[in-house]
């Protein structure tokens, strides 16, 4: 995608086929339920919070299913984004491929079913050592307390999954690749293999800084991948945007045929995109504060919308417009969920 593309011919959408978009990350089964204060107190949860599960929370996931009416969704940051990209595209099904690790258990079976319902071509590495990763959303009134147990998501093995010929063929079919920074904590060697393939074949490799702790504590693996990153996403929690954008533009880049693009969302403020020394601001869609239900999935949704236009080789402006639309839909709903079809032209 060239940022200079402004001629009408560049607006023409590319024909889509299966497995054009590839995502790899930490798959979680999102489990949401309305609970009471006693449930929160039993597991020491605040009404509005996001935490990683400790030992005392391990029984929570089975209990929330037993005690309450629950909703299941395929979740985890990267899986959310490719799921939303697929929703924006609608047809054909399975434009989006997803790799990650799950357990051989009931939650794993539900996750496979939910990915299938979202028309994502999910190929999970299944193992017995850890249960399928889960994220419980414990809802009380307007509050939701999120408890994530990565479990199996931490167990992805390059040599047992990515390196298999049948799986690598799916990687080779893709034109656009997206991996959230969270996966740097799991399998940096898998990220590098995919990133190098994209670079060597002049395909587009996208990454997300995801959260401050990634660049703080996983700087070494991040810096190893950075020369292969064509598009870097971030958000307002990741530090001074202008400084990061400038720094990342100056980092070495393997594929010089593509100039690195840095895209930062800032909640209700303008989205910032930088290519070289050029900085462009894109206002987000207006929304009444009373219509905002849940902003947790906004970042994943923006990326998903962006990717849906990118895989069709649309201009930067169109990619960001699609990202803003998807985020605007998702923040009006609980969790990273969406209506049956998008209303986007």
C-alpha atoms as a PDB file:
ATOM      1  CA  UNK A   1       0.000   0.000   0.000  1.00  0.00           C
ATOM      2  CA  UNK A   2       1.470   3.310  -1.037  1.00  0.00           C
ATOM      3  CA  UNK A   3       0.524   6.366   0.991  1.00  0.00           C
ATOM      4  CA  UNK A   4       0.715   8.433  -2.189  1.00  0.00           C
ATOM      5  CA  UNK A   5      -2.094   6.489  -3.866  1.00  0.00           C
ATOM      6  CA  UNK A   6      -4.845   8.998  -4.515  1.00  0.00           C
ATOM      7  CA  UNK A   7      -5.910   8.159  -8.064  1.00  0.00           C
ATOM      8  CA  UNK A   8      -9.355   6.529  -8.483  1.00  0.00           C
ATOM      9  CA  UNK A   9      -7.711   3.350  -9.801  1.00  0.00           C
ATOM     10  CA  UNK A  10      -6.171   2.749  -6.380  1.00  0.00           C
ATOM     11  CA  UNK A  11      -9.654   2.583  -4.822  1.00  0.00           C
ATOM     12  CA  UNK A  12     -10.556  -0.548  -6.769  1.00  0.00           C
ATOM     13  CA  UNK A  13     -10.834  -3.506  -4.417  1.00  0.00           C
ATOM     14  CA  UNK A  14      -8.591  -6.500  -4.948  1.00  0.00           C
ATOM     15  CA  UNK A  15     -10.306  -9.847  -5.463  1.00  0.00           C
ATOM     16  CA  UNK A  16     -10.304 -11.824  -2.233  1.00  0.00           C
ATOM     17  CA  UNK A  17      -9.497 -15.486  -1.727  1.00  0.00           C
ATOM     18  CA  UNK A  18      -9.092 -17.831   1.239  1.00  0.00           C
ATOM     19  CA  UNK A  19      -6.116 -17.421   3.583  1.00  0.00           C
ATOM     20  CA  UNK A  20      -4.998 -14.002   2.244  1.00  0.00           C
ATOM     21  CA  UNK A  21      -4.767 -12.606   5.790  1.00  0.00           C
ATOM     22  CA  UNK A  22      -2.677 -14.444   8.382  1.00  0.00           C
ATOM     23  CA  UNK A  23      -2.781 -13.896  12.149  1.00  0.00           C
ATOM     24  CA  UNK A  24      -0.927 -15.679  14.940  1.00  0.00           C
ATOM     25  CA  UNK A  25      -1.303 -15.088  18.657  1.00  0.00           C
ATOM     26  CA  UNK A  26      -2.771 -16.080  22.003  1.00  0.00           C
ATOM     27  CA  UNK A  27      -6.240 -17.609  21.541  1.00  0.00           C
ATOM     28  CA  UNK A  28      -8.577 -17.195  24.496  1.00  0.00           C
ATOM     29  CA  UNK A  29     -12.145 -18.342  24.930  1.00  0.00           C
ATOM     30  CA  UNK A  30     -14.050 -15.283  26.145  1.00  0.00           C
ATOM     31  CA  UNK A  31     -16.664 -16.284  28.718  1.00  0.00           C
ATOM     32  CA  UNK A  32     -19.028 -13.516  29.805  1.00  0.00           C
ATOM     33  CA  UNK A  33     -21.767 -13.683  32.421  1.00  0.00           C
ATOM     34  CA  UNK A  34     -23.736 -11.435  34.721  1.00  0.00           C
ATOM     35  CA  UNK A  35     -22.624 -12.277  38.265  1.00  0.00           C
ATOM     36  CA  UNK A  36     -23.467 -11.018  41.765  1.00  0.00           C
ATOM     37  CA  UNK A  37     -21.315  -9.277  44.362  1.00  0.00           C
ATOM     38  CA  UNK A  38     -20.867 -12.560  46.258  1.00  0.00           C
ATOM     39  CA  UNK A  39     -19.173 -14.067  43.227  1.00  0.00           C
ATOM     40  CA  UNK A  40     -16.764 -11.116  42.966  1.00  0.00           C
ATOM     41  CA  UNK A  41     -16.043 -11.271  46.687  1.00  0.00           C
ATOM     42  CA  UNK A  42     -15.448 -15.022  46.631  1.00  0.00           C
ATOM     43  CA  UNK A  43     -12.615 -14.575  44.096  1.00  0.00           C
ATOM     44  CA  UNK A  44     -11.374 -11.222  45.415  1.00  0.00           C
ATOM     45  CA  UNK A  45     -12.336  -9.282  42.280  1.00  0.00           C
ATOM     46  CA  UNK A  46     -12.952  -5.552  41.891  1.00  0.00           C
ATOM     47  CA  UNK A  47     -16.112  -4.687  39.920  1.00  0.00           C
ATOM     48  CA  UNK A  48     -14.147  -2.932  37.147  1.00  0.00           C
ATOM     49  CA  UNK A  49     -10.699  -4.384  36.514  1.00  0.00           C
ATOM     50  CA  UNK A  50      -8.417  -6.382  34.203  1.00  0.00           C
ATOM     51  CA  UNK A  51      -6.133  -8.960  35.801  1.00  0.00           C
ATOM     52  CA  UNK A  52      -4.220 -12.126  34.997  1.00  0.00           C
ATOM     53  CA  UNK A  53      -5.546 -15.150  36.865  1.00  0.00           C
ATOM     54  CA  UNK A  54      -3.626 -16.299  39.930  1.00  0.00           C
ATOM     55  CA  UNK A  55      -3.967 -19.704  41.620  1.00  0.00           C
ATOM     56  CA  UNK A  56      -6.933 -18.454  43.660  1.00  0.00           C
ATOM     57  CA  UNK A  57      -8.833 -17.712  40.417  1.00  0.00           C
ATOM     58  CA  UNK A  58      -8.332 -21.106  38.734  1.00  0.00           C
ATOM     59  CA  UNK A  59     -11.688 -22.472  39.943  1.00  0.00           C
ATOM     60  CA  UNK A  60     -13.483 -19.324  38.750  1.00  0.00           C
ATOM     61  CA  UNK A  61     -13.794 -20.430  35.113  1.00  0.00           C
ATOM     62  CA  UNK A  62     -15.608 -23.692  35.839  1.00  0.00           C
ATOM     63  CA  UNK A  63     -17.782 -22.030  38.487  1.00  0.00           C
ATOM     64  CA  UNK A  64     -18.911 -19.113  36.297  1.00  0.00           C
ATOM     65  CA  UNK A  65     -20.116 -21.643  33.693  1.00  0.00           C
ATOM     66  CA  UNK A  66     -21.855 -23.785  36.338  1.00  0.00           C
ATOM     67  CA  UNK A  67     -23.574 -20.929  38.180  1.00  0.00           C
ATOM     68  CA  UNK A  68     -24.537 -18.530  35.396  1.00  0.00           C
ATOM     69  CA  UNK A  69     -25.910 -18.186  31.888  1.00  0.00           C
ATOM     70  CA  UNK A  70     -22.756 -17.540  29.867  1.00  0.00           C
ATOM     71  CA  UNK A  71     -21.882 -16.297  26.395  1.00  0.00           C
ATOM     72  CA  UNK A  72     -18.829 -17.659  24.576  1.00  0.00           C
ATOM     73  CA  UNK A  73     -16.746 -15.868  21.947  1.00  0.00           C
ATOM     74  CA  UNK A  74     -13.424 -16.549  20.239  1.00  0.00           C
ATOM     75  CA  UNK A  75     -11.075 -14.023  21.824  1.00  0.00           C
ATOM     76  CA  UNK A  76      -7.512 -12.917  22.412  1.00  0.00           C
ATOM     77  CA  UNK A  77      -6.108  -9.765  20.799  1.00  0.00           C
ATOM     78  CA  UNK A  78      -4.931 -11.088  17.412  1.00  0.00           C
ATOM     79  CA  UNK A  79      -7.837 -13.503  17.025  1.00  0.00           C
ATOM     80  CA  UNK A  80     -10.222 -10.601  17.724  1.00  0.00           C
ATOM     81  CA  UNK A  81      -8.600  -8.518  14.982  1.00  0.00           C
ATOM     82  CA  UNK A  82      -8.673 -11.211  12.286  1.00  0.00           C
ATOM     83  CA  UNK A  83     -12.227 -12.105  13.313  1.00  0.00           C
ATOM     84  CA  UNK A  84     -13.301  -8.475  12.827  1.00  0.00           C
ATOM     85  CA  UNK A  85     -11.442  -8.259   9.498  1.00  0.00           C
ATOM     86  CA  UNK A  86     -13.361 -11.332   8.329  1.00  0.00           C
ATOM     87  CA  UNK A  87     -16.647  -9.788   9.545  1.00  0.00           C
ATOM     88  CA  UNK A  88     -15.915  -6.572   7.616  1.00  0.00           C
ATOM     89  CA  UNK A  89     -15.144  -8.583   4.452  1.00  0.00           C
ATOM     90  CA  UNK A  90     -18.051 -11.061   4.868  1.00  0.00           C
ATOM     91  CA  UNK A  91     -17.338 -13.139   1.733  1.00  0.00           C
ATOM     92  CA  UNK A  92     -15.527 -15.291   0.875  1.00  0.00           C
ATOM     93  CA  UNK A  93     -15.335 -17.080   4.194  1.00  0.00           C
ATOM     94  CA  UNK A  94     -11.899 -17.908   5.616  1.00  0.00           C
ATOM     95  CA  UNK A  95     -10.002 -14.996   4.086  1.00  0.00           C
ATOM     96  CA  UNK A  96      -8.502 -14.859   7.579  1.00  0.00           C
ATOM     97  CA  UNK A  97      -6.268 -17.643   8.933  1.00  0.00           C
ATOM     98  CA  UNK A  98      -5.328 -17.893  12.612  1.00  0.00           C
ATOM     99  CA  UNK A  99      -2.670 -19.947  14.444  1.00  0.00           C
ATOM    100  CA  UNK A 100      -2.355 -20.341  18.214  1.00  0.00           C
ATOM    101  CA  UNK A 101      -2.275 -22.954  20.971  1.00  0.00           C
ATOM    102  CA  UNK A 102      -5.213 -24.476  22.873  1.00  0.00           C
ATOM    103  CA  UNK A 103      -5.821 -27.445  25.169  1.00  0.00           C
ATOM    104  CA  UNK A 104      -7.527 -30.732  24.331  1.00  0.00           C
ATOM    105  CA  UNK A 105     -10.592 -29.971  26.434  1.00  0.00           C
ATOM    106  CA  UNK A 106     -14.199 -28.776  26.369  1.00  0.00           C
ATOM    107  CA  UNK A 107     -13.265 -25.079  26.251  1.00  0.00           C
ATOM    108  CA  UNK A 108     -10.973 -25.854  23.298  1.00  0.00           C
ATOM    109  CA  UNK A 109     -13.849 -27.521  21.436  1.00  0.00           C
ATOM    110  CA  UNK A 110     -16.085 -24.498  22.099  1.00  0.00           C
ATOM    111  CA  UNK A 111     -13.321 -22.159  20.886  1.00  0.00           C
ATOM    112  CA  UNK A 112     -12.951 -24.128  17.631  1.00  0.00           C
ATOM    113  CA  UNK A 113     -16.718 -23.924  17.105  1.00  0.00           C
ATOM    114  CA  UNK A 114     -16.768 -20.165  17.781  1.00  0.00           C
ATOM    115  CA  UNK A 115     -13.889 -19.499  15.372  1.00  0.00           C
ATOM    116  CA  UNK A 116     -15.749 -21.511  12.741  1.00  0.00           C
ATOM    117  CA  UNK A 117     -18.925 -19.510  13.338  1.00  0.00           C
ATOM    118  CA  UNK A 118     -16.871 -16.337  12.749  1.00  0.00           C
ATOM    119  CA  UNK A 119     -15.709 -17.892   9.416  1.00  0.00           C
ATOM    120  CA  UNK A 120     -12.049 -17.705  10.466  1.00  0.00           C
ATOM    121  CA  UNK A 121      -9.813 -20.549   9.268  1.00  0.00           C
ATOM    122  CA  UNK A 122      -8.337 -21.373  12.681  1.00  0.00           C
ATOM    123  CA  UNK A 123      -5.620 -24.028  12.899  1.00  0.00           C
ATOM    124  CA  UNK A 124      -4.766 -24.563  16.554  1.00  0.00           C
ATOM    125  CA  UNK A 125      -1.819 -26.415  17.999  1.00  0.00           C
ATOM    126  CA  UNK A 126      -3.540 -28.721  20.510  1.00  0.00           C
ATOM    127  CA  UNK A 127      -1.653 -30.064  23.534  1.00  0.00           C
ATOM    128  CA  UNK A 128      -2.444 -31.833  26.826  1.00  0.00           C
ATOM    129  CA  UNK A 129      -0.208 -30.023  29.311  1.00  0.00           C
ATOM    130  CA  UNK A 130      -2.267 -26.863  29.815  1.00  0.00           C
ATOM    131  CA  UNK A 131      -5.997 -26.130  29.496  1.00  0.00           C
ATOM    132  CA  UNK A 132      -7.360 -23.789  26.829  1.00  0.00           C
ATOM    133  CA  UNK A 133      -6.759 -20.128  27.649  1.00  0.00           C
ATOM    134  CA  UNK A 134      -9.801 -18.266  28.907  1.00  0.00           C
ATOM    135  CA  UNK A 135     -10.890 -14.742  29.737  1.00  0.00           C
ATOM    136  CA  UNK A 136     -13.859 -14.384  32.067  1.00  0.00           C
ATOM    137  CA  UNK A 137     -15.857 -11.170  31.928  1.00  0.00           C
ATOM    138  CA  UNK A 138     -17.731 -10.933  35.239  1.00  0.00           C
ATOM    139  CA  UNK A 139     -20.463  -8.366  34.683  1.00  0.00           C
ATOM    140  CA  UNK A 140     -22.206  -6.455  37.486  1.00  0.00           C
ATOM    141  CA  UNK A 141     -24.418  -3.602  36.250  1.00  0.00           C
ATOM    142  CA  UNK A 142     -22.304  -1.376  33.980  1.00  0.00           C
ATOM    143  CA  UNK A 143     -19.045  -2.822  35.322  1.00  0.00           C
ATOM    144  CA  UNK A 144     -17.022  -5.754  34.057  1.00  0.00           C
ATOM    145  CA  UNK A 145     -14.143  -7.456  35.797  1.00  0.00           C
ATOM    146  CA  UNK A 146     -11.856  -9.302  33.348  1.00  0.00           C
ATOM    147  CA  UNK A 147      -9.809 -12.279  34.499  1.00  0.00           C
ATOM    148  CA  UNK A 148      -7.504 -13.831  31.901  1.00  0.00           C
ATOM    149  CA  UNK A 149      -5.823 -17.205  32.213  1.00  0.00           C
ATOM    150  CA  UNK A 150      -3.402 -17.599  29.280  1.00  0.00           C
ATOM    151  CA  UNK A 151      -2.675 -21.265  30.085  1.00  0.00           C
ATOM    152  CA  UNK A 152      -2.346 -23.140  26.760  1.00  0.00           C
ATOM    153  CA  UNK A 153      -1.877 -19.883  24.816  1.00  0.00           C
ATOM    154  CA  UNK A 154       1.633 -19.762  26.350  1.00  0.00           C
ATOM    155  CA  UNK A 155       2.514 -23.209  24.964  1.00  0.00           C
ATOM    156  CA  UNK A 156       2.746 -22.568  21.203  1.00  0.00           C
ATOM    157  CA  UNK A 157       5.663 -24.484  19.651  1.00  0.00           C
ATOM    158  CA  UNK A 158       7.131 -23.458  16.293  1.00  0.00           C
ATOM    159  CA  UNK A 159       8.594 -26.870  15.486  1.00  0.00           C
ATOM    160  CA  UNK A 160       5.364 -28.698  16.392  1.00  0.00           C
ATOM    161  CA  UNK A 161       2.985 -26.484  14.429  1.00  0.00           C
ATOM    162  CA  UNK A 162       4.301 -23.595  12.311  1.00  0.00           C
ATOM    163  CA  UNK A 163       7.068 -25.717  10.751  1.00  0.00           C
ATOM    164  CA  UNK A 164       4.682 -28.457   9.572  1.00  0.00           C
ATOM    165  CA  UNK A 165       4.378 -28.353   5.778  1.00  0.00           C
ATOM    166  CA  UNK A 166       0.573 -28.242   5.780  1.00  0.00           C
ATOM    167  CA  UNK A 167       0.592 -25.240   8.118  1.00  0.00           C
ATOM    168  CA  UNK A 168       3.474 -23.401   6.450  1.00  0.00           C
ATOM    169  CA  UNK A 169       1.588 -23.659   3.135  1.00  0.00           C
ATOM    170  CA  UNK A 170      -1.160 -21.528   4.703  1.00  0.00           C
ATOM    171  CA  UNK A 171       1.453 -18.951   5.755  1.00  0.00           C
ATOM    172  CA  UNK A 172       2.766 -18.851   2.181  1.00  0.00           C
ATOM    173  CA  UNK A 173      -0.750 -18.258   0.787  1.00  0.00           C
ATOM    174  CA  UNK A 174      -1.137 -14.995   2.746  1.00  0.00           C
ATOM    175  CA  UNK A 175      -0.382 -11.490   1.484  1.00  0.00           C
ATOM    176  CA  UNK A 176      -0.854  -9.629   4.763  1.00  0.00           C
ATOM    177  CA  UNK A 177       0.386 -10.774   8.192  1.00  0.00           C
ATOM    178  CA  UNK A 178      -0.626  -9.479  11.625  1.00  0.00           C
ATOM    179  CA  UNK A 179       0.723 -10.446  15.042  1.00  0.00           C
ATOM    180  CA  UNK A 180       0.059  -8.572  18.289  1.00  0.00           C
ATOM    181  CA  UNK A 181       3.049  -7.821  20.521  1.00  0.00           C
ATOM    182  CA  UNK A 182       1.631 -10.097  23.229  1.00  0.00           C
ATOM    183  CA  UNK A 183       2.884 -13.120  21.245  1.00  0.00           C
ATOM    184  CA  UNK A 184       6.498 -11.963  21.783  1.00  0.00           C
ATOM    185  CA  UNK A 185       6.160 -13.415  25.282  1.00  0.00           C
ATOM    186  CA  UNK A 186       5.276 -16.843  23.828  1.00  0.00           C
ATOM    187  CA  UNK A 187       7.131 -17.618  20.594  1.00  0.00           C
ATOM    188  CA  UNK A 188       9.400 -14.880  19.207  1.00  0.00           C
ATOM    189  CA  UNK A 189      11.038 -17.472  16.923  1.00  0.00           C
ATOM    190  CA  UNK A 190       7.647 -18.120  15.252  1.00  0.00           C
ATOM    191  CA  UNK A 191       7.141 -14.384  14.710  1.00  0.00           C
ATOM    192  CA  UNK A 192      10.604 -14.052  13.170  1.00  0.00           C
ATOM    193  CA  UNK A 193      10.034 -16.919  10.745  1.00  0.00           C
ATOM    194  CA  UNK A 194       6.767 -15.379   9.488  1.00  0.00           C
ATOM    195  CA  UNK A 195       8.211 -11.842   9.414  1.00  0.00           C
ATOM    196  CA  UNK A 196      11.235 -12.932   7.357  1.00  0.00           C
ATOM    197  CA  UNK A 197       9.002 -14.766   4.894  1.00  0.00           C
ATOM    198  CA  UNK A 198       6.880 -11.628   4.430  1.00  0.00           C
ATOM    199  CA  UNK A 199       9.935  -9.424   3.954  1.00  0.00           C
ATOM    200  CA  UNK A 200      11.683 -11.761   1.492  1.00  0.00           C
ATOM    201  CA  UNK A 201       8.528 -12.003  -0.625  1.00  0.00           C
ATOM    202  CA  UNK A 202       7.586  -8.296  -0.484  1.00  0.00           C
ATOM    203  CA  UNK A 203       4.413  -9.028   1.466  1.00  0.00           C
ATOM    204  CA  UNK A 204       3.063  -6.824   4.276  1.00  0.00           C
ATOM    205  CA  UNK A 205       3.997  -7.661   7.875  1.00  0.00           C
ATOM    206  CA  UNK A 206       2.111  -5.799  10.621  1.00  0.00           C
ATOM    207  CA  UNK A 207       2.742  -5.775  14.339  1.00  0.00           C
ATOM    208  CA  UNK A 208       1.207  -4.123  17.391  1.00  0.00           C
ATOM    209  CA  UNK A 209       3.069  -2.754  20.410  1.00  0.00           C
ATOM    210  CA  UNK A 210      -0.016  -3.986  22.365  1.00  0.00           C
ATOM    211  CA  UNK A 211       0.889  -2.843  25.898  1.00  0.00           C
ATOM    212  CA  UNK A 212       3.661  -0.882  27.671  1.00  0.00           C
ATOM    213  CA  UNK A 213       5.163  -4.008  29.276  1.00  0.00           C
ATOM    214  CA  UNK A 214       6.003  -5.447  25.844  1.00  0.00           C
ATOM    215  CA  UNK A 215       8.440  -2.677  24.888  1.00  0.00           C
ATOM    216  CA  UNK A 216       9.714  -2.471  28.489  1.00  0.00           C
ATOM    217  CA  UNK A 217      10.371  -6.136  29.266  1.00  0.00           C
ATOM    218  CA  UNK A 218      10.499  -7.788  25.836  1.00  0.00           C
ATOM    219  CA  UNK A 219      12.550  -5.150  24.059  1.00  0.00           C
ATOM    220  CA  UNK A 220      15.175  -7.607  22.772  1.00  0.00           C
ATOM    221  CA  UNK A 221      12.791  -9.899  20.822  1.00  0.00           C
ATOM    222  CA  UNK A 222      10.823  -6.821  19.683  1.00  0.00           C
ATOM    223  CA  UNK A 223      13.972  -5.230  18.251  1.00  0.00           C
ATOM    224  CA  UNK A 224      14.838  -8.471  16.407  1.00  0.00           C
ATOM    225  CA  UNK A 225      11.458  -8.411  14.644  1.00  0.00           C
ATOM    226  CA  UNK A 226      11.344  -4.646  14.013  1.00  0.00           C
ATOM    227  CA  UNK A 227      13.486  -4.653  10.796  1.00  0.00           C
ATOM    228  CA  UNK A 228      10.751  -6.750   9.164  1.00  0.00           C
ATOM    229  CA  UNK A 229       7.782  -4.637  10.331  1.00  0.00           C
ATOM    230  CA  UNK A 230       6.051  -2.713   7.525  1.00  0.00           C
ATOM    231  CA  UNK A 231       3.138  -1.413   9.608  1.00  0.00           C
ATOM    232  CA  UNK A 232       3.385  -0.834  13.351  1.00  0.00           C
ATOM    233  CA  UNK A 233       0.237  -0.230  15.398  1.00  0.00           C
ATOM    234  CA  UNK A 234       0.092   1.289  18.869  1.00  0.00           C
ATOM    235  CA  UNK A 235      -2.239   3.191  21.155  1.00  0.00           C
ATOM    236  CA  UNK A 236      -2.207   6.048  23.635  1.00  0.00           C
ATOM    237  CA  UNK A 237      -1.033   3.824  26.499  1.00  0.00           C
ATOM    238  CA  UNK A 238       2.233   2.960  24.800  1.00  0.00           C
ATOM    239  CA  UNK A 239       4.084   6.269  25.487  1.00  0.00           C
ATOM    240  CA  UNK A 240       4.820   9.554  23.680  1.00  0.00           C
ATOM    241  CA  UNK A 241       3.401   8.930  20.213  1.00  0.00           C
ATOM    242  CA  UNK A 242       5.495  11.474  18.286  1.00  0.00           C
ATOM    243  CA  UNK A 243       8.730  10.180  19.845  1.00  0.00           C
ATOM    244  CA  UNK A 244       7.907   6.498  19.212  1.00  0.00           C
ATOM    245  CA  UNK A 245       6.787   7.227  15.647  1.00  0.00           C
ATOM    246  CA  UNK A 246      10.017   9.121  14.919  1.00  0.00           C
ATOM    247  CA  UNK A 247      12.208   6.457  16.552  1.00  0.00           C
ATOM    248  CA  UNK A 248      10.572   3.560  14.711  1.00  0.00           C
ATOM    249  CA  UNK A 249      10.899   5.360  11.381  1.00  0.00           C
ATOM    250  CA  UNK A 250      14.668   5.544  11.968  1.00  0.00           C
ATOM    251  CA  UNK A 251      15.115   1.852  12.837  1.00  0.00           C
ATOM    252  CA  UNK A 252      16.715  -0.415  10.214  1.00  0.00           C
ATOM    253  CA  UNK A 253      14.380  -2.026   7.667  1.00  0.00           C
ATOM    254  CA  UNK A 254      15.046  -5.161   5.623  1.00  0.00           C
ATOM    255  CA  UNK A 255      12.546  -4.693   2.792  1.00  0.00           C
ATOM    256  CA  UNK A 256      13.320  -1.213   1.449  1.00  0.00           C
ATOM    257  CA  UNK A 257      10.611  -1.555  -1.222  1.00  0.00           C
ATOM    258  CA  UNK A 258       8.090  -0.687   1.476  1.00  0.00           C
ATOM    259  CA  UNK A 259       8.382   2.386   3.664  1.00  0.00           C
ATOM    260  CA  UNK A 260       7.457   1.716   7.281  1.00  0.00           C
ATOM    261  CA  UNK A 261       4.086   3.047   8.373  1.00  0.00           C
ATOM    262  CA  UNK A 262       3.351   3.775  12.044  1.00  0.00           C
ATOM    263  CA  UNK A 263      -0.320   4.064  13.092  1.00  0.00           C
ATOM    264  CA  UNK A 264      -1.339   5.134  16.593  1.00  0.00           C
ATOM    265  CA  UNK A 265      -4.883   5.368  17.917  1.00  0.00           C
ATOM    266  CA  UNK A 266      -5.630   7.752  20.789  1.00  0.00           C
ATOM    267  CA  UNK A 267      -9.110   6.831  21.981  1.00  0.00           C
ATOM    268  CA  UNK A 268     -11.445   9.716  21.164  1.00  0.00           C
ATOM    269  CA  UNK A 269      -8.579  11.865  19.820  1.00  0.00           C
ATOM    270  CA  UNK A 270      -7.242  11.789  16.269  1.00  0.00           C
ATOM    271  CA  UNK A 271      -5.492   8.703  14.931  1.00  0.00           C
ATOM    272  CA  UNK A 272      -1.895   9.526  13.960  1.00  0.00           C
ATOM    273  CA  UNK A 273      -0.158   7.958  10.944  1.00  0.00           C
ATOM    274  CA  UNK A 274       3.465   8.605  10.036  1.00  0.00           C
ATOM    275  CA  UNK A 275       5.378   7.617   6.916  1.00  0.00           C
ATOM    276  CA  UNK A 276       8.953   8.896   6.829  1.00  0.00           C
ATOM    277  CA  UNK A 277       8.800  12.465   8.152  1.00  0.00           C
ATOM    278  CA  UNK A 278       5.184  12.950   7.099  1.00  0.00           C
ATOM    279  CA  UNK A 279       2.635  12.946   9.938  1.00  0.00           C
ATOM    280  CA  UNK A 280      -1.100  12.785   9.152  1.00  0.00           C
ATOM    281  CA  UNK A 281      -3.960  13.099  11.644  1.00  0.00           C
ATOM    282  CA  UNK A 282      -7.275  11.336  11.061  1.00  0.00           C
ATOM    283  CA  UNK A 283     -10.278  12.373  13.206  1.00  0.00           C
ATOM    284  CA  UNK A 284     -12.286   9.472  14.661  1.00  0.00           C
ATOM    285  CA  UNK A 285     -16.053   9.135  14.168  1.00  0.00           C
ATOM    286  CA  UNK A 286     -18.181  11.162  16.551  1.00  0.00           C
ATOM    287  CA  UNK A 287     -20.067   9.219  19.176  1.00  0.00           C
ATOM    288  CA  UNK A 288     -22.286  10.266  22.060  1.00  0.00           C
ATOM    289  CA  UNK A 289     -20.583   9.298  25.337  1.00  0.00           C
ATOM    290  CA  UNK A 290     -23.855   7.670  26.446  1.00  0.00           C
ATOM    291  CA  UNK A 291     -23.623   5.231  23.515  1.00  0.00           C
ATOM    292  CA  UNK A 292     -20.233   3.902  24.626  1.00  0.00           C
ATOM    293  CA  UNK A 293     -20.756   0.556  26.358  1.00  0.00           C
ATOM    294  CA  UNK A 294     -17.283  -1.007  26.448  1.00  0.00           C
ATOM    295  CA  UNK A 295     -13.987   0.298  25.018  1.00  0.00           C
ATOM    296  CA  UNK A 296     -11.929  -2.862  25.747  1.00  0.00           C
ATOM    297  CA  UNK A 297     -12.059  -4.195  22.203  1.00  0.00           C
ATOM    298  CA  UNK A 298     -11.630  -0.846  20.433  1.00  0.00           C
ATOM    299  CA  UNK A 299      -7.935  -1.274  19.599  1.00  0.00           C
ATOM    300  CA  UNK A 300      -8.374  -4.824  18.273  1.00  0.00           C
ATOM    301  CA  UNK A 301     -11.395  -3.671  16.259  1.00  0.00           C
ATOM    302  CA  UNK A 302      -9.514  -0.739  14.711  1.00  0.00           C
ATOM    303  CA  UNK A 303      -6.755  -3.089  13.558  1.00  0.00           C
ATOM    304  CA  UNK A 304      -9.330  -5.560  12.216  1.00  0.00           C
ATOM    305  CA  UNK A 305     -11.070  -2.881  10.172  1.00  0.00           C
ATOM    306  CA  UNK A 306      -7.724  -1.559   8.917  1.00  0.00           C
ATOM    307  CA  UNK A 307      -6.616  -5.056   7.858  1.00  0.00           C
ATOM    308  CA  UNK A 308      -9.887  -5.678   5.990  1.00  0.00           C
ATOM    309  CA  UNK A 309      -9.100  -2.707   3.698  1.00  0.00           C
ATOM    310  CA  UNK A 310      -5.361  -3.422   3.581  1.00  0.00           C
ATOM    311  CA  UNK A 311      -5.878  -6.961   2.282  1.00  0.00           C
ATOM    312  CA  UNK A 312      -7.872  -5.358  -0.560  1.00  0.00           C
ATOM    313  CA  UNK A 313      -4.910  -3.042  -1.286  1.00  0.00           C
ATOM    314  CA  UNK A 314      -6.851   0.090  -0.397  1.00  0.00           C
ATOM    315  CA  UNK A 315      -5.256   3.481   0.336  1.00  0.00           C
ATOM    316  CA  UNK A 316      -4.088   4.490   3.815  1.00  0.00           C
ATOM    317  CA  UNK A 317      -7.104   6.796   4.151  1.00  0.00           C
ATOM    318  CA  UNK A 318      -9.488   3.936   3.377  1.00  0.00           C
ATOM    319  CA  UNK A 319      -7.715   1.559   5.771  1.00  0.00           C
ATOM    320  CA  UNK A 320      -8.037   4.075   8.609  1.00  0.00           C
ATOM    321  CA  UNK A 321     -11.674   4.835   7.706  1.00  0.00           C
ATOM    322  CA  UNK A 322     -12.443   1.105   7.933  1.00  0.00           C
ATOM    323  CA  UNK A 323     -10.584   0.899  11.254  1.00  0.00           C
ATOM    324  CA  UNK A 324     -12.514   3.814  12.715  1.00  0.00           C
ATOM    325  CA  UNK A 325     -15.820   2.308  11.571  1.00  0.00           C
ATOM    326  CA  UNK A 326     -15.094  -1.094  13.162  1.00  0.00           C
ATOM    327  CA  UNK A 327     -13.994   0.467  16.460  1.00  0.00           C
ATOM    328  CA  UNK A 328     -17.103   2.672  16.497  1.00  0.00           C
ATOM    329  CA  UNK A 329     -19.331  -0.423  16.158  1.00  0.00           C
ATOM    330  CA  UNK A 330     -17.513  -2.473  18.811  1.00  0.00           C
ATOM    331  CA  UNK A 331     -17.514   0.185  21.568  1.00  0.00           C
ATOM    332  CA  UNK A 332     -21.323   0.287  21.461  1.00  0.00           C
ATOM    333  CA  UNK A 333     -21.506  -3.367  22.564  1.00  0.00           C
ATOM    334  CA  UNK A 334     -20.306  -5.540  25.451  1.00  0.00           C
ATOM    335  CA  UNK A 335     -17.102  -7.405  24.612  1.00  0.00           C
ATOM    336  CA  UNK A 336     -15.570  -7.713  21.168  1.00  0.00           C
ATOM    337  CA  UNK A 337     -18.881  -8.549  19.465  1.00  0.00           C
ATOM    338  CA  UNK A 338     -20.631  -7.214  16.392  1.00  0.00           C
ATOM    339  CA  UNK A 339     -23.957  -7.310  14.534  1.00  0.00           C
ATOM    340  CA  UNK A 340     -24.523  -9.871  11.764  1.00  0.00           C
ATOM    341  CA  UNK A 341     -23.291  -7.570   8.977  1.00  0.00           C
ATOM    342  CA  UNK A 342     -21.340  -4.319   8.786  1.00  0.00           C
ATOM    343  CA  UNK A 343     -22.943  -1.175   7.371  1.00  0.00           C
ATOM    344  CA  UNK A 344     -19.813   0.105   5.679  1.00  0.00           C
ATOM    345  CA  UNK A 345     -19.268   1.203   2.088  1.00  0.00           C
END
